[in-house]
Amino acid sequence: MVVSMNQHTGLAAACLFSLILSVALQGCVVVPDQGHDPGGIVMVAPPPARDDVIGVAPGSEYIWFGGYWNWIGGRYEWVPGHWAAGRQGYHWVAHQWVRQGDGWRMKPGHWVRD
């Protein structure tokens, strides 16, 4: 088999590219979320709550829904508080993180009848 200089150069370039690509891809490893299990337990304790700037209610029927930490994309993200209309005959129970086994589970906020 006779290989021309252009074919030899192209073959060498292709081999070099393959080698570089294989070395580069060794660093591309998808690591599963280490802080959360499929059952909803987060193995990392939530950070302390932040102070929200509450401001003035837009009306007398509005209540303040405090901010909270939510587990999103393998990390905690702060969800800021906000004003929203209340519900007559109900009170709001805020989101809270509770200890469960070796981890933490979020109990979502919800309305409770008075």
PDB file of N, CA and C in Angstrom:
ATOM      1  N   MET A   1       0.840  -1.167   0.000  1.00  0.00           N
ATOM      2  CA  MET A   1       0.000   0.000   0.000  1.00  0.00           C
ATOM      3  C   MET A   1       0.886   1.232   0.000  1.00  0.00           C
ATOM      4  N   VAL A   2       0.571   2.127  -0.884  1.00  0.00           N
ATOM      5  CA  VAL A   2       1.335   3.361  -1.010  1.00  0.00           C
ATOM      6  C   VAL A   2       0.525   4.477  -0.373  1.00  0.00           C
ATOM      7  N   VAL A   3       1.158   5.212   0.550  1.00  0.00           N
ATOM      8  CA  VAL A   3       0.495   6.312   1.239  1.00  0.00           C
ATOM      9  C   VAL A   3       1.186   7.596   0.836  1.00  0.00           C
ATOM     10  N   SER A   4       0.408   8.534   0.330  1.00  0.00           N
ATOM     11  CA  SER A   4       1.004   9.819  -0.067  1.00  0.00           C
ATOM     12  C   SER A   4       1.276  10.648   1.178  1.00  0.00           C
ATOM     13  N   MET A   5       2.043  11.725   0.999  1.00  0.00           N
ATOM     14  CA  MET A   5       2.399  12.615   2.099  1.00  0.00           C
ATOM     15  C   MET A   5       1.148  13.277   2.678  1.00  0.00           C
ATOM     16  N   ASN A   6       0.188  13.674   1.826  1.00  0.00           N
ATOM     17  CA  ASN A   6      -1.047  14.305   2.314  1.00  0.00           C
ATOM     18  C   ASN A   6      -1.865  13.321   3.146  1.00  0.00           C
ATOM     19  N   GLN A   7      -1.936  12.061   2.703  1.00  0.00           N
ATOM     20  CA  GLN A   7      -2.670  11.051   3.463  1.00  0.00           C
ATOM     21  C   GLN A   7      -1.985  10.772   4.797  1.00  0.00           C
ATOM     22  N   HIS A   8      -0.664  10.747   4.780  1.00  0.00           N
ATOM     23  CA  HIS A   8       0.093  10.502   6.007  1.00  0.00           C
ATOM     24  C   HIS A   8      -0.120  11.633   6.997  1.00  0.00           C
ATOM     25  N   THR A   9      -0.094  12.854   6.520  1.00  0.00           N
ATOM     26  CA  THR A   9      -0.309  14.026   7.381  1.00  0.00           C
ATOM     27  C   THR A   9      -1.728  14.019   7.935  1.00  0.00           C
ATOM     28  N   GLY A  10      -2.706  13.691   7.089  1.00  0.00           N
ATOM     29  CA  GLY A  10      -4.101  13.635   7.536  1.00  0.00           C
ATOM     30  C   GLY A  10      -4.312  12.543   8.572  1.00  0.00           C
ATOM     31  N   LEU A  11      -3.668  11.390   8.360  1.00  0.00           N
ATOM     32  CA  LEU A  11      -3.779  10.286   9.310  1.00  0.00           C
ATOM     33  C   LEU A  11      -3.148  10.661  10.652  1.00  0.00           C
ATOM     34  N   ALA A  12      -2.004  11.305  10.603  1.00  0.00           N
ATOM     35  CA  ALA A  12      -1.326  11.741  11.829  1.00  0.00           C
ATOM     36  C   ALA A  12      -2.180  12.773  12.569  1.00  0.00           C
ATOM     37  N   ALA A  13      -2.785  13.695  11.813  1.00  0.00           N
ATOM     38  CA  ALA A  13      -3.634  14.719  12.429  1.00  0.00           C
ATOM     39  C   ALA A  13      -4.856  14.074  13.079  1.00  0.00           C
ATOM     40  N   ALA A  14      -5.447  13.087  12.416  1.00  0.00           N
ATOM     41  CA  ALA A  14      -6.616  12.409  12.959  1.00  0.00           C
ATOM     42  C   ALA A  14      -6.260  11.655  14.234  1.00  0.00           C
ATOM     43  N   CYS A  15      -5.113  10.998  14.239  1.00  0.00           N
ATOM     44  CA  CYS A  15      -4.664  10.285  15.440  1.00  0.00           C
ATOM     45  C   CYS A  15      -4.407  11.246  16.588  1.00  0.00           C
ATOM     46  N   LEU A  16      -3.760  12.368  16.286  1.00  0.00           N
ATOM     47  CA  LEU A  16      -3.481  13.370  17.311  1.00  0.00           C
ATOM     48  C   LEU A  16      -4.783  13.938  17.869  1.00  0.00           C
ATOM     49  N   PHE A  17      -5.736  14.237  17.003  1.00  0.00           N
ATOM     50  CA  PHE A  17      -7.030  14.762  17.428  1.00  0.00           C
ATOM     51  C   PHE A  17      -7.742  13.750  18.336  1.00  0.00           C
ATOM     52  N   SER A  18      -7.733  12.470  17.949  1.00  0.00           N
ATOM     53  CA  SER A  18      -8.365  11.419  18.760  1.00  0.00           C
ATOM     54  C   SER A  18      -7.719  11.322  20.137  1.00  0.00           C
ATOM     55  N   LEU A  19      -6.400  11.422  20.179  1.00  0.00           N
ATOM     56  CA  LEU A  19      -5.686  11.351  21.447  1.00  0.00           C
ATOM     57  C   LEU A  19      -6.059  12.531  22.342  1.00  0.00           C
ATOM     58  N   ILE A  20      -6.060  13.733  21.769  1.00  0.00           N
ATOM     59  CA  ILE A  20      -6.406  14.939  22.541  1.00  0.00           C
ATOM     60  C   ILE A  20      -7.847  14.853  23.025  1.00  0.00           C
ATOM     61  N   LEU A  21      -8.751  14.416  22.166  1.00  0.00           N
ATOM     62  CA  LEU A  21     -10.156  14.305  22.534  1.00  0.00           C
ATOM     63  C   LEU A  21     -10.358  13.288  23.669  1.00  0.00           C
ATOM     64  N   SER A  22      -9.691  12.156  23.594  1.00  0.00           N
ATOM     65  CA  SER A  22      -9.845  11.145  24.642  1.00  0.00           C
ATOM     66  C   SER A  22      -9.301  11.639  25.980  1.00  0.00           C
ATOM     67  N   VAL A  23      -8.201  12.386  25.962  1.00  0.00           N
ATOM     68  CA  VAL A  23      -7.651  12.951  27.200  1.00  0.00           C
ATOM     69  C   VAL A  23      -8.600  14.006  27.753  1.00  0.00           C
ATOM     70  N   ALA A  24      -9.141  14.860  26.884  1.00  0.00           N
ATOM     71  CA  ALA A  24     -10.053  15.917  27.329  1.00  0.00           C
ATOM     72  C   ALA A  24     -11.332  15.339  27.919  1.00  0.00           C
ATOM     73  N   LEU A  25     -11.842  14.279  27.326  1.00  0.00           N
ATOM     74  CA  LEU A  25     -13.091  13.695  27.800  1.00  0.00           C
ATOM     75  C   LEU A  25     -12.948  12.939  29.109  1.00  0.00           C
ATOM     76  N   GLN A  26     -11.738  12.641  29.520  1.00  0.00           N
ATOM     77  CA  GLN A  26     -11.555  11.964  30.805  1.00  0.00           C
ATOM     78  C   GLN A  26     -12.027  12.833  31.954  1.00  0.00           C
ATOM     79  N   GLY A  27     -11.982  14.148  31.784  1.00  0.00           N
ATOM     80  CA  GLY A  27     -12.445  15.067  32.816  1.00  0.00           C
ATOM     81  C   GLY A  27     -13.941  15.282  32.799  1.00  0.00           C
ATOM     82  N   CYS A  28     -14.640  14.757  31.795  1.00  0.00           N
ATOM     83  CA  CYS A  28     -16.086  14.933  31.682  1.00  0.00           C
ATOM     84  C   CYS A  28     -16.807  13.739  32.286  1.00  0.00           C
ATOM     85  N   VAL A  29     -16.994  13.803  33.577  1.00  0.00           N
ATOM     86  CA  VAL A  29     -17.661  12.717  34.279  1.00  0.00           C
ATOM     87  C   VAL A  29     -18.923  13.288  34.905  1.00  0.00           C
ATOM     88  N   VAL A  30     -20.047  12.650  34.686  1.00  0.00           N
ATOM     89  CA  VAL A  30     -21.294  13.088  35.300  1.00  0.00           C
ATOM     90  C   VAL A  30     -21.383  12.423  36.667  1.00  0.00           C
ATOM     91  N   VAL A  31     -21.383  13.262  37.698  1.00  0.00           N
ATOM     92  CA  VAL A  31     -21.442  12.763  39.074  1.00  0.00           C
ATOM     93  C   VAL A  31     -22.869  12.915  39.565  1.00  0.00           C
ATOM     94  N   PRO A  32     -23.466  11.856  40.088  1.00  0.00           N
ATOM     95  CA  PRO A  32     -24.824  11.979  40.611  1.00  0.00           C
ATOM     96  C   PRO A  32     -24.878  12.956  41.780  1.00  0.00           C
ATOM     97  N   ASP A  33     -26.044  13.523  42.002  1.00  0.00           N
ATOM     98  CA  ASP A  33     -26.280  14.455  43.100  1.00  0.00           C
ATOM     99  C   ASP A  33     -25.939  13.754  44.414  1.00  0.00           C
ATOM    100  N   GLN A  34     -24.863  14.194  45.059  1.00  0.00           N
ATOM    101  CA  GLN A  34     -24.410  13.559  46.292  1.00  0.00           C
ATOM    102  C   GLN A  34     -25.154  14.053  47.524  1.00  0.00           C
ATOM    103  N   GLY A  35     -25.895  15.151  47.387  1.00  0.00           N
ATOM    104  CA  GLY A  35     -26.542  15.717  48.561  1.00  0.00           C
ATOM    105  C   GLY A  35     -28.000  15.359  48.703  1.00  0.00           C
ATOM    106  N   HIS A  36     -28.534  14.537  47.794  1.00  0.00           N
ATOM    107  CA  HIS A  36     -29.966  14.298  47.774  1.00  0.00           C
ATOM    108  C   HIS A  36     -30.225  12.860  47.354  1.00  0.00           C
ATOM    109  N   ASP A  37     -31.113  12.195  48.055  1.00  0.00           N
ATOM    110  CA  ASP A  37     -31.444  10.837  47.620  1.00  0.00           C
ATOM    111  C   ASP A  37     -32.789  10.851  46.904  1.00  0.00           C
ATOM    112  N   PRO A  38     -33.125   9.804  46.169  1.00  0.00           N
ATOM    113  CA  PRO A  38     -34.373   9.787  45.402  1.00  0.00           C
ATOM    114  C   PRO A  38     -35.630   9.913  46.259  1.00  0.00           C
ATOM    115  N   GLY A  39     -35.530   9.625  47.552  1.00  0.00           N
ATOM    116  CA  GLY A  39     -36.686   9.726  48.436  1.00  0.00           C
ATOM    117  C   GLY A  39     -36.958  11.121  48.942  1.00  0.00           C
ATOM    118  N   GLY A  40     -36.219  12.107  48.502  1.00  0.00           N
ATOM    119  CA  GLY A  40     -36.450  13.486  48.912  1.00  0.00           C
ATOM    120  C   GLY A  40     -35.657  13.921  50.125  1.00  0.00           C
ATOM    121  N   ILE A  41     -34.747  13.096  50.596  1.00  0.00           N
ATOM    122  CA  ILE A  41     -33.921  13.455  51.748  1.00  0.00           C
ATOM    123  C   ILE A  41     -32.668  14.150  51.246  1.00  0.00           C
ATOM    124  N   VAL A  42     -32.377  15.324  51.804  1.00  0.00           N
ATOM    125  CA  VAL A  42     -31.170  16.069  51.480  1.00  0.00           C
ATOM    126  C   VAL A  42     -30.159  15.799  52.580  1.00  0.00           C
ATOM    127  N   MET A  43     -28.970  15.401  52.210  1.00  0.00           N
ATOM    128  CA  MET A  43     -27.969  15.017  53.197  1.00  0.00           C
ATOM    129  C   MET A  43     -27.175  16.211  53.734  1.00  0.00           C
ATOM    130  N   VAL A  44     -27.412  17.386  53.201  1.00  0.00           N
ATOM    131  CA  VAL A  44     -26.710  18.602  53.607  1.00  0.00           C
ATOM    132  C   VAL A  44     -27.692  19.481  54.369  1.00  0.00           C
ATOM    133  N   ALA A  45     -27.311  19.911  55.559  1.00  0.00           N
ATOM    134  CA  ALA A  45     -28.199  20.763  56.362  1.00  0.00           C
ATOM    135  C   ALA A  45     -28.450  22.090  55.650  1.00  0.00           C
ATOM    136  N   PRO A  46     -29.663  22.622  55.763  1.00  0.00           N
ATOM    137  CA  PRO A  46     -29.934  23.915  55.122  1.00  0.00           C
ATOM    138  C   PRO A  46     -29.178  25.040  55.834  1.00  0.00           C
ATOM    139  N   PRO A  47     -28.794  26.068  55.068  1.00  0.00           N
ATOM    140  CA  PRO A  47     -28.135  27.222  55.693  1.00  0.00           C
ATOM    141  C   PRO A  47     -29.115  27.973  56.598  1.00  0.00           C
ATOM    142  N   PRO A  48     -28.598  28.854  57.447  1.00  0.00           N
ATOM    143  CA  PRO A  48     -29.498  29.690  58.254  1.00  0.00           C
ATOM    144  C   PRO A  48     -30.374  30.552  57.350  1.00  0.00           C
ATOM    145  N   ALA A  49     -31.588  30.822  57.802  1.00  0.00           N
ATOM    146  CA  ALA A  49     -32.499  31.665  57.021  1.00  0.00           C
ATOM    147  C   ALA A  49     -31.895  33.049  56.813  1.00  0.00           C
ATOM    148  N   ARG A  50     -32.206  33.642  55.694  1.00  0.00           N
ATOM    149  CA  ARG A  50     -31.768  35.020  55.412  1.00  0.00           C
ATOM    150  C   ARG A  50     -32.806  35.988  55.950  1.00  0.00           C
ATOM    151  N   ASP A  51     -32.380  37.214  56.156  1.00  0.00           N
ATOM    152  CA  ASP A  51     -33.320  38.261  56.542  1.00  0.00           C
ATOM    153  C   ASP A  51     -33.941  38.830  55.277  1.00  0.00           C
ATOM    154  N   ASP A  52     -35.271  38.779  55.199  1.00  0.00           N
ATOM    155  CA  ASP A  52     -35.989  39.370  54.065  1.00  0.00           C
ATOM    156  C   ASP A  52     -36.314  40.819  54.380  1.00  0.00           C
ATOM    157  N   VAL A  53     -36.305  41.654  53.359  1.00  0.00           N
ATOM    158  CA  VAL A  53     -36.796  43.021  53.496  1.00  0.00           C
ATOM    159  C   VAL A  53     -38.295  42.946  53.252  1.00  0.00           C
ATOM    160  N   ILE A  54     -39.069  43.165  54.303  1.00  0.00           N
ATOM    161  CA  ILE A  54     -40.508  42.932  54.212  1.00  0.00           C
ATOM    162  C   ILE A  54     -41.246  44.082  53.538  1.00  0.00           C
ATOM    163  N   GLY A  55     -40.943  45.301  53.873  1.00  0.00           N
ATOM    164  CA  GLY A  55     -41.647  46.423  53.249  1.00  0.00           C
ATOM    165  C   GLY A  55     -43.078  46.544  53.746  1.00  0.00           C
ATOM    166  N   VAL A  56     -43.880  47.292  53.007  1.00  0.00           N
ATOM    167  CA  VAL A  56     -45.258  47.594  53.401  1.00  0.00           C
ATOM    168  C   VAL A  56     -46.213  46.688  52.624  1.00  0.00           C
ATOM    169  N   ALA A  57     -47.200  46.158  53.329  1.00  0.00           N
ATOM    170  CA  ALA A  57     -48.199  45.300  52.678  1.00  0.00           C
ATOM    171  C   ALA A  57     -48.980  46.108  51.649  1.00  0.00           C
ATOM    172  N   PRO A  58     -49.292  45.515  50.506  1.00  0.00           N
ATOM    173  CA  PRO A  58     -50.046  46.239  49.483  1.00  0.00           C
ATOM    174  C   PRO A  58     -51.513  46.451  49.853  1.00  0.00           C
ATOM    175  N   GLY A  59     -51.989  45.779  50.892  1.00  0.00           N
ATOM    176  CA  GLY A  59     -53.369  45.959  51.351  1.00  0.00           C
ATOM    177  C   GLY A  59     -53.558  45.228  52.663  1.00  0.00           C
ATOM    178  N   SER A  60     -54.656  45.540  53.343  1.00  0.00           N
ATOM    179  CA  SER A  60     -54.887  44.949  54.669  1.00  0.00           C
ATOM    180  C   SER A  60     -55.166  43.449  54.609  1.00  0.00           C
ATOM    181  N   GLU A  61     -55.584  42.923  53.464  1.00  0.00           N
ATOM    182  CA  GLU A  61     -55.877  41.497  53.344  1.00  0.00           C
ATOM    183  C   GLU A  61     -54.649  40.663  52.971  1.00  0.00           C
ATOM    184  N   TYR A  62     -53.489  41.320  52.836  1.00  0.00           N
ATOM    185  CA  TYR A  62     -52.268  40.614  52.445  1.00  0.00           C
ATOM    186  C   TYR A  62     -51.500  40.131  53.667  1.00  0.00           C
ATOM    187  N   ILE A  63     -50.836  38.992  53.503  1.00  0.00           N
ATOM    188  CA  ILE A  63     -49.961  38.477  54.553  1.00  0.00           C
ATOM    189  C   ILE A  63     -48.570  38.256  53.960  1.00  0.00           C
ATOM    190  N   TRP A  64     -47.593  38.204  54.833  1.00  0.00           N
ATOM    191  CA  TRP A  64     -46.213  38.000  54.402  1.00  0.00           C
ATOM    192  C   TRP A  64     -45.883  36.509  54.393  1.00  0.00           C
ATOM    193  N   PHE A  65     -45.418  36.015  53.249  1.00  0.00           N
ATOM    194  CA  PHE A  65     -44.924  34.647  53.106  1.00  0.00           C
ATOM    195  C   PHE A  65     -43.408  34.736  53.166  1.00  0.00           C
ATOM    196  N   GLY A  66     -42.812  34.302  54.279  1.00  0.00           N
ATOM    197  CA  GLY A  66     -41.369  34.431  54.472  1.00  0.00           C
ATOM    198  C   GLY A  66     -40.564  33.609  53.470  1.00  0.00           C
ATOM    199  N   GLY A  67     -39.353  34.063  53.219  1.00  0.00           N
ATOM    200  CA  GLY A  67     -38.457  33.340  52.323  1.00  0.00           C
ATOM    201  C   GLY A  67     -37.985  32.034  52.944  1.00  0.00           C
ATOM    202  N   TYR A  68     -37.450  31.163  52.109  1.00  0.00           N
ATOM    203  CA  TYR A  68     -36.983  29.864  52.580  1.00  0.00           C
ATOM    204  C   TYR A  68     -35.936  29.313  51.623  1.00  0.00           C
ATOM    205  N   TRP A  69     -35.170  28.355  52.091  1.00  0.00           N
ATOM    206  CA  TRP A  69     -34.194  27.660  51.263  1.00  0.00           C
ATOM    207  C   TRP A  69     -34.887  26.487  50.571  1.00  0.00           C
ATOM    208  N   ASN A  70     -34.693  26.370  49.271  1.00  0.00           N
ATOM    209  CA  ASN A  70     -35.212  25.242  48.507  1.00  0.00           C
ATOM    210  C   ASN A  70     -34.033  24.478  47.918  1.00  0.00           C
ATOM    211  N   TRP A  71     -34.161  23.175  47.768  1.00  0.00           N
ATOM    212  CA  TRP A  71     -33.098  22.340  47.189  1.00  0.00           C
ATOM    213  C   TRP A  71     -33.361  22.230  45.694  1.00  0.00           C
ATOM    214  N   ILE A  72     -32.524  22.874  44.875  1.00  0.00           N
ATOM    215  CA  ILE A  72     -32.714  22.908  43.421  1.00  0.00           C
ATOM    216  C   ILE A  72     -31.381  22.620  42.751  1.00  0.00           C
ATOM    217  N   GLY A  73     -31.375  21.654  41.857  1.00  0.00           N
ATOM    218  CA  GLY A  73     -30.170  21.367  41.077  1.00  0.00           C
ATOM    219  C   GLY A  73     -28.970  20.955  41.910  1.00  0.00           C
ATOM    220  N   GLY A  74     -29.203  20.267  43.014  1.00  0.00           N
ATOM    221  CA  GLY A  74     -28.097  19.782  43.831  1.00  0.00           C
ATOM    222  C   GLY A  74     -27.513  20.795  44.789  1.00  0.00           C
ATOM    223  N   ARG A  75     -28.246  21.881  45.049  1.00  0.00           N
ATOM    224  CA  ARG A  75     -27.771  22.881  46.015  1.00  0.00           C
ATOM    225  C   ARG A  75     -28.954  23.663  46.552  1.00  0.00           C
ATOM    226  N   TYR A  76     -28.736  24.346  47.650  1.00  0.00           N
ATOM    227  CA  TYR A  76     -29.781  25.198  48.219  1.00  0.00           C
ATOM    228  C   TYR A  76     -29.835  26.520  47.469  1.00  0.00           C
ATOM    229  N   GLU A  77     -31.057  26.965  47.192  1.00  0.00           N
ATOM    230  CA  GLU A  77     -31.278  28.292  46.599  1.00  0.00           C
ATOM    231  C   GLU A  77     -32.318  29.011  47.445  1.00  0.00           C
ATOM    232  N   TRP A  78     -32.041  30.293  47.710  1.00  0.00           N
ATOM    233  CA  TRP A  78     -32.956  31.084  48.522  1.00  0.00           C
ATOM    234  C   TRP A  78     -34.153  31.525  47.676  1.00  0.00           C
ATOM    235  N   VAL A  79     -35.358  31.287  48.205  1.00  0.00           N
ATOM    236  CA  VAL A  79     -36.595  31.761  47.580  1.00  0.00           C
ATOM    237  C   VAL A  79     -37.061  32.934  48.432  1.00  0.00           C
ATOM    238  N   PRO A  80     -37.010  34.151  47.874  1.00  0.00           N
ATOM    239  CA  PRO A  80     -37.348  35.326  48.683  1.00  0.00           C
ATOM    240  C   PRO A  80     -38.814  35.336  49.108  1.00  0.00           C
ATOM    241  N   GLY A  81     -39.067  35.981  50.252  1.00  0.00           N
ATOM    242  CA  GLY A  81     -40.428  36.132  50.734  1.00  0.00           C
ATOM    243  C   GLY A  81     -41.207  37.108  49.860  1.00  0.00           C
ATOM    244  N   HIS A  82     -42.534  37.109  50.032  1.00  0.00           N
ATOM    245  CA  HIS A  82     -43.389  37.993  49.232  1.00  0.00           C
ATOM    246  C   HIS A  82     -44.729  38.200  49.938  1.00  0.00           C
ATOM    247  N   TRP A  83     -45.409  39.254  49.554  1.00  0.00           N
ATOM    248  CA  TRP A  83     -46.755  39.521  50.037  1.00  0.00           C
ATOM    249  C   TRP A  83     -47.748  38.809  49.125  1.00  0.00           C
ATOM    250  N   ALA A  84     -48.791  38.240  49.713  1.00  0.00           N
ATOM    251  CA  ALA A  84     -49.866  37.624  48.930  1.00  0.00           C
ATOM    252  C   ALA A  84     -51.154  37.714  49.732  1.00  0.00           C
ATOM    253  N   ALA A  85     -52.261  37.598  49.025  1.00  0.00           N
ATOM    254  CA  ALA A  85     -53.563  37.674  49.678  1.00  0.00           C
ATOM    255  C   ALA A  85     -53.735  36.506  50.636  1.00  0.00           C
ATOM    256  N   GLY A  86     -54.281  36.808  51.802  1.00  0.00           N
ATOM    257  CA  GLY A  86     -54.570  35.771  52.777  1.00  0.00           C
ATOM    258  C   GLY A  86     -55.844  35.027  52.414  1.00  0.00           C
ATOM    259  N   ARG A  87     -56.157  34.008  53.197  1.00  0.00           N
ATOM    260  CA  ARG A  87     -57.398  33.242  53.008  1.00  0.00           C
ATOM    261  C   ARG A  87     -58.212  33.338  54.284  1.00  0.00           C
ATOM    262  N   GLN A  88     -59.414  33.840  54.168  1.00  0.00           N
ATOM    263  CA  GLN A  88     -60.293  33.995  55.322  1.00  0.00           C
ATOM    264  C   GLN A  88     -60.507  32.633  55.985  1.00  0.00           C
ATOM    265  N   GLY A  89     -60.306  32.577  57.313  1.00  0.00           N
ATOM    266  CA  GLY A  89     -60.527  31.348  58.070  1.00  0.00           C
ATOM    267  C   GLY A  89     -59.345  30.389  58.052  1.00  0.00           C
ATOM    268  N   TYR A  90     -58.203  30.817  57.493  1.00  0.00           N
ATOM    269  CA  TYR A  90     -57.005  29.977  57.418  1.00  0.00           C
ATOM    270  C   TYR A  90     -55.796  30.768  57.886  1.00  0.00           C
ATOM    271  N   HIS A  91     -54.771  30.053  58.301  1.00  0.00           N
ATOM    272  CA  HIS A  91     -53.475  30.691  58.540  1.00  0.00           C
ATOM    273  C   HIS A  91     -52.404  29.903  57.790  1.00  0.00           C
ATOM    274  N   TRP A  92     -51.335  30.584  57.436  1.00  0.00           N
ATOM    275  CA  TRP A  92     -50.253  30.004  56.643  1.00  0.00           C
ATOM    276  C   TRP A  92     -49.202  29.399  57.558  1.00  0.00           C
ATOM    277  N   VAL A  93     -48.814  28.154  57.287  1.00  0.00           N
ATOM    278  CA  VAL A  93     -47.709  27.503  57.973  1.00  0.00           C
ATOM    279  C   VAL A  93     -46.543  27.492  56.991  1.00  0.00           C
ATOM    280  N   ALA A  94     -45.458  28.124  57.382  1.00  0.00           N
ATOM    281  CA  ALA A  94     -44.315  28.327  56.481  1.00  0.00           C
ATOM    282  C   ALA A  94     -43.596  27.028  56.140  1.00  0.00           C
ATOM    283  N   HIS A  95     -42.865  27.045  55.016  1.00  0.00           N
ATOM    284  CA  HIS A  95     -41.980  25.936  54.647  1.00  0.00           C
ATOM    285  C   HIS A  95     -40.989  25.728  55.792  1.00  0.00           C
ATOM    286  N   GLN A  96     -40.628  24.476  56.022  1.00  0.00           N
ATOM    287  CA  GLN A  96     -39.597  24.231  57.032  1.00  0.00           C
ATOM    288  C   GLN A  96     -38.844  22.949  56.712  1.00  0.00           C
ATOM    289  N   TRP A  97     -37.573  22.966  57.069  1.00  0.00           N
ATOM    290  CA  TRP A  97     -36.725  21.777  56.911  1.00  0.00           C
ATOM    291  C   TRP A  97     -36.730  21.029  58.229  1.00  0.00           C
ATOM    292  N   VAL A  98     -37.016  19.718  58.175  1.00  0.00           N
ATOM    293  CA  VAL A  98     -37.041  18.900  59.388  1.00  0.00           C
ATOM    294  C   VAL A  98     -36.021  17.776  59.255  1.00  0.00           C
ATOM    295  N   ARG A  99     -35.416  17.451  60.369  1.00  0.00           N
ATOM    296  CA  ARG A  99     -34.423  16.373  60.398  1.00  0.00           C
ATOM    297  C   ARG A  99     -35.127  15.046  60.179  1.00  0.00           C
ATOM    298  N   GLN A 100     -34.568  14.210  59.311  1.00  0.00           N
ATOM    299  CA  GLN A 100     -35.116  12.872  59.084  1.00  0.00           C
ATOM    300  C   GLN A 100     -33.954  11.915  58.890  1.00  0.00           C
ATOM    301  N   GLY A 101     -33.727  11.067  59.878  1.00  0.00           N
ATOM    302  CA  GLY A 101     -32.590  10.150  59.812  1.00  0.00           C
ATOM    303  C   GLY A 101     -31.291  10.928  59.769  1.00  0.00           C
ATOM    304  N   ASP A 102     -30.459  10.630  58.775  1.00  0.00           N
ATOM    305  CA  ASP A 102     -29.180  11.328  58.617  1.00  0.00           C
ATOM    306  C   ASP A 102     -29.294  12.575  57.761  1.00  0.00           C
ATOM    307  N   GLY A 103     -30.495  12.909  57.309  1.00  0.00           N
ATOM    308  CA  GLY A 103     -30.640  14.028  56.388  1.00  0.00           C
ATOM    309  C   GLY A 103     -31.752  14.978  56.789  1.00  0.00           C
ATOM    310  N   TRP A 104     -32.222  15.716  55.792  1.00  0.00           N
ATOM    311  CA  TRP A 104     -33.226  16.755  55.982  1.00  0.00           C
ATOM    312  C   TRP A 104     -34.292  16.612  54.907  1.00  0.00           C
ATOM    313  N   ARG A 105     -35.538  16.851  55.275  1.00  0.00           N
ATOM    314  CA  ARG A 105     -36.652  16.828  54.324  1.00  0.00           C
ATOM    315  C   ARG A 105     -37.427  18.134  54.465  1.00  0.00           C
ATOM    316  N   MET A 106     -37.805  18.730  53.331  1.00  0.00           N
ATOM    317  CA  MET A 106     -38.576  19.961  53.406  1.00  0.00           C
ATOM    318  C   MET A 106     -40.067  19.644  53.488  1.00  0.00           C
ATOM    319  N   LYS A 107     -40.712  20.245  54.486  1.00  0.00           N
ATOM    320  CA  LYS A 107     -42.160  20.211  54.573  1.00  0.00           C
ATOM    321  C   LYS A 107     -42.649  21.496  53.919  1.00  0.00           C
ATOM    322  N   PRO A 108     -43.342  21.389  52.786  1.00  0.00           N
ATOM    323  CA  PRO A 108     -43.793  22.606  52.091  1.00  0.00           C
ATOM    324  C   PRO A 108     -44.768  23.416  52.931  1.00  0.00           C
ATOM    325  N   GLY A 109     -44.776  24.715  52.705  1.00  0.00           N
ATOM    326  CA  GLY A 109     -45.733  25.582  53.368  1.00  0.00           C
ATOM    327  C   GLY A 109     -47.143  25.225  52.931  1.00  0.00           C
ATOM    328  N   HIS A 110     -48.111  25.505  53.819  1.00  0.00           N
ATOM    329  CA  HIS A 110     -49.481  25.137  53.491  1.00  0.00           C
ATOM    330  C   HIS A 110     -50.471  25.943  54.350  1.00  0.00           C
ATOM    331  N   TRP A 111     -51.712  25.972  53.893  1.00  0.00           N
ATOM    332  CA  TRP A 111     -52.764  26.635  54.621  1.00  0.00           C
ATOM    333  C   TRP A 111     -53.402  25.658  55.614  1.00  0.00           C
ATOM    334  N   VAL A 112     -53.739  26.169  56.801  1.00  0.00           N
ATOM    335  CA  VAL A 112     -54.429  25.376  57.821  1.00  0.00           C
ATOM    336  C   VAL A 112     -55.662  26.153  58.266  1.00  0.00           C
ATOM    337  N   ARG A 113     -56.791  25.445  58.342  1.00  0.00           N
ATOM    338  CA  ARG A 113     -58.029  26.086  58.779  1.00  0.00           C
ATOM    339  C   ARG A 113     -57.900  26.473  60.255  1.00  0.00           C
ATOM    340  N   ASP A 114     -58.343  27.681  60.570  1.00  0.00           N
ATOM    341  CA  ASP A 114     -58.302  28.165  61.962  1.00  0.00           C
ATOM    342  C   ASP A 114     -59.255  27.418  62.843  1.00  0.00           C
TER     343      ASP A 114
END
